[in-house]
Protein backbone atom coordinates (compact mmCIF):
# COMPACT_ATOMS: atom_id res chain seq x y z
CA UNK A 1 45.26 43.40 22.92
CA UNK A 2 47.39 40.99 20.33
CA UNK A 3 46.10 41.80 16.63
CA UNK A 4 44.41 38.34 15.07
CA UNK A 5 46.94 36.75 12.48
CA UNK A 6 46.95 35.82 8.71
CA UNK A 7 49.41 33.21 8.06
CA UNK A 8 51.08 32.43 4.91
CA UNK A 9 52.77 29.40 4.12
CA UNK A 10 54.84 28.46 1.80
CA UNK A 11 58.08 26.60 1.43
CA UNK A 12 59.82 29.75 -0.87
CA UNK A 13 60.66 32.69 1.11
CA UNK A 14 60.35 34.76 -1.62
CA UNK A 15 56.98 34.25 -2.03
CA UNK A 16 56.24 34.66 1.57
CA UNK A 17 57.58 37.89 1.54
CA UNK A 18 55.96 39.01 -1.44
CA UNK A 19 52.35 38.00 0.38
CA UNK A 20 53.42 39.95 3.71
CA UNK A 21 54.11 43.13 1.96
CA UNK A 22 50.69 42.55 -0.16
CA UNK A 23 48.70 41.97 3.05
CA UNK A 24 50.42 44.84 5.27
CA UNK A 25 49.65 47.02 2.26
CA UNK A 26 45.98 45.90 2.05
CA UNK A 27 44.94 45.67 5.60
CA UNK A 28 47.72 47.98 7.21
CA UNK A 29 47.68 47.33 11.22
CA UNK A 30 44.85 45.50 11.43
CA UNK A 31 46.13 42.21 11.61
CA UNK A 32 49.48 40.46 12.21
CA UNK A 33 51.23 38.81 9.73
CA UNK A 34 53.16 35.41 10.50
CA UNK A 35 54.56 33.24 7.94
CA UNK A 36 55.70 29.44 7.82
CA UNK A 37 58.14 27.53 5.25
CA UNK A 38 56.38 24.13 5.69
CA UNK A 39 53.08 22.48 6.92
CA UNK A 40 55.11 21.38 10.27
CA UNK A 41 56.30 24.93 11.40
CA UNK A 42 52.96 26.53 10.51
CA UNK A 43 51.13 24.22 13.08
CA UNK A 44 53.65 24.83 15.67
CA UNK A 45 52.74 28.25 15.05
CA UNK A 46 49.37 27.83 14.88
CA UNK A 47 49.14 25.86 18.03
CA UNK A 48 51.50 28.48 20.23
CA UNK A 49 49.17 31.06 19.07
CA UNK A 50 46.12 29.39 19.81
CA UNK A 51 47.77 28.29 23.44
CA UNK A 52 48.09 32.28 23.84
CA UNK A 53 44.36 32.73 22.83
CA UNK A 54 45.66 34.93 19.53
CA UNK A 55 43.23 34.04 16.52
CA UNK A 56 44.56 33.07 13.38
CA UNK A 57 41.61 34.48 10.82
CA UNK A 58 43.16 33.19 7.67
CA UNK A 59 45.63 30.70 6.22
CA UNK A 60 47.13 31.27 2.88
CA UNK A 61 48.56 28.07 2.14
CA UNK A 62 51.03 27.24 -0.91
CA UNK A 63 50.09 23.22 -2.26
CA UNK A 64 53.37 21.84 -3.32
CA UNK A 65 55.47 21.69 -0.44
CA UNK A 66 57.93 19.41 1.11
CA UNK A 67 56.74 16.79 3.21
CA UNK A 68 53.46 17.96 3.71
CA UNK A 69 51.15 19.13 0.57
CA UNK A 70 48.92 22.13 1.18
CA UNK A 71 45.87 19.94 1.30
CA UNK A 72 46.72 17.87 4.10
CA UNK A 73 47.99 20.73 6.15
CA UNK A 74 44.68 22.40 5.91
CA UNK A 75 42.54 19.33 6.46
CA UNK A 76 45.02 19.00 9.90
CA UNK A 77 44.25 22.64 10.45
CA UNK A 78 40.41 22.24 10.20
CA UNK A 79 40.01 19.12 12.13
CA UNK A 80 41.52 21.21 15.39
CA UNK A 81 40.48 24.98 13.82
CA UNK A 82 37.47 24.86 11.62
CA UNK A 83 36.94 28.54 11.99
CA UNK A 84 39.96 29.68 10.15
CA UNK A 85 39.39 31.12 6.76
CA UNK A 86 41.59 28.69 4.37
CA UNK A 87 42.88 29.73 0.83
CA UNK A 88 45.16 27.68 -1.17
CA UNK A 89 47.62 29.15 -3.88
CA UNK A 90 49.08 26.80 -6.20
CA UNK A 91 50.94 26.35 -9.46
CA UNK A 92 49.97 22.80 -9.87
CA UNK A 93 47.75 21.06 -7.62
CA UNK A 94 45.42 18.54 -9.03
CA UNK A 95 41.84 18.44 -9.26
CA UNK A 96 42.03 15.75 -6.51
CA UNK A 97 43.68 17.69 -4.18
CA UNK A 98 41.38 20.64 -4.44
CA UNK A 99 38.13 19.02 -4.30
CA UNK A 100 39.65 17.19 -1.14
CA UNK A 101 40.56 20.40 0.64
CA UNK A 102 37.08 21.55 -0.19
CA UNK A 103 34.91 18.85 0.96
CA UNK A 104 37.30 17.96 4.00
CA UNK A 105 39.23 21.41 4.92
CA UNK A 106 36.45 23.67 4.03
CA UNK A 107 38.66 25.47 1.87
CA UNK A 108 37.72 28.79 1.21
CA UNK A 109 39.13 29.48 -2.44
CA UNK A 110 41.86 28.46 -4.60
CA UNK A 111 44.31 30.83 -6.52
CA UNK A 112 46.55 29.80 -8.97
CA UNK A 113 50.18 31.13 -8.91
CA UNK A 114 51.34 33.84 -9.96
CA UNK A 115 48.35 34.83 -8.08
CA UNK A 116 46.48 38.37 -8.74
CA UNK A 117 46.82 40.43 -5.75
CA UNK A 118 43.48 42.37 -5.97
CA UNK A 119 41.89 39.06 -6.34
CA UNK A 120 43.81 37.83 -3.40
CA UNK A 121 42.68 40.84 -0.93
CA UNK A 122 39.28 40.60 -2.72
CA UNK A 123 38.89 37.03 -1.43
CA UNK A 124 40.59 37.19 2.17
CA UNK A 125 37.94 40.20 2.70
CA UNK A 126 35.03 37.94 1.68
CA UNK A 127 36.39 34.99 3.92
CA UNK A 128 36.63 37.08 6.83
CA UNK A 129 33.27 38.50 6.31
CA UNK A 130 31.80 35.07 5.53
CA UNK A 131 33.04 33.52 8.54
CA UNK A 132 33.90 35.89 10.82
């Protein structure tokens, strides 16, 4: 049985690596952890996993990325996969982008970078409980 996925999207590999380590420490082997370095790559991963019927439970996405910003990416995902819990990390999202993501992508939470590890894990757990 394939484990459900938590997907992290950020154009900085070092951030993806640290997210993955933190998530593994918190959730151990309950989930699989996928990473993507762009919104485009993330959408490919999501479509592939969905066609293999492997559920994606949570997406943790950066906001400021080349080509597609986090809010646009999460809105696209939400149109196809409304049940995924969406969390945005950002050093500098504008308030409009966050409002738009909340309205159009059902954004669960937006956390500032650098994020607080305990807070992120608490938010993911709460998202999983409330959306699962």
